[in-house]
């Protein structure tokens, strides 16, 4: 059924479809009995699926990656799809429109997406207003970034501001320095600026009565030497975990016509083409660090087999984004059933 709906939706502009689908789900769940039906259709409640990672107990290990619910306006409805956790954002201190449209493109032959959204969001205050309307027990992560107009030398202040303002409304934080769609952002992944940024946020966290987990989201395009630096930083400042990985700037091994890809231009590629590299990064981090910190695996998960591969490589939790768009909400239940069957 979902593939029929998808074939119709894929006839239209991806960004418009995103918001249309969110509105449709919201209206659908207002129909009496529909929340009960969706719960029966898509949610598995089984204690064997529970995972306690960085001090938080997740009802199941399958989450929604950041980027889907940028303004924390959809998480209540999305929780009925069976996610064990939902990451909102990326949130910046001030609202910003993001990059010029069109900025979201489907590569259907590759089951992939290219986006250059550019941290479009309504700002941290708007996200907080939405988070105050939480009606679900789902775990919420807060993915934070800097505004486009903020120069890198002032970036730390943006991250700290978001951290402090969101603190009371999310369960864990993700520092996003790996999006390819904000100019010069990835320069913050270099060892010294990254270390200083994370230390500032850690120091703010230490002032809280009950500090919250802080994770770092990294790009799949890092070299092994850069991954070694990440491991060293995590160990040195006692970071709570890593999310591996964000989208890639690579265009290797795509089936889609190269002229079409070239015409689309810049942006981060997600979906099946990033699956193998994402898994390689997870495995490298897990093995090189002797599994000394938790890893959330994300990138190209379109099936239960893909999910199990990430877990076997060393991920403690996993996240979906493009796979959720291409496969629909049923994929979450399929993955959780496979995890139960595999005894993972």
Foldseek 3Di string as FASTA:
>chain_A
DVQVVLVVLVVDQPVVSLVVVLVVLVVQVVPPPSLVVLLVQAADQDCLQWDQALNDIFRHQEEADEPSAAQLQRVQSCVSLHHSAYEYHQAWAAADQFDDPPFWDAPPVQLKIFGLRGRHYHHLVSSVVNLVPDDDPRAYEYEYFYHLPDDLVCGLVGRLSSCVSCVVRHQAYEYEQAFPNRPPSVVCLPQPNVLVSVVVNVVVQVVDPHRHAYEYEHALPDDLVSLVSVLVSCVVNVHAEYEFHDFYQDPPPDPGDPVVVVVSPTGGMFAQVCLVSSLVSLLSNCVVNVNPHAYEGEGHPQALVSVVSSVVSPHSHYYYDSSCSNPPSNRSVRNRVSCVVVSD
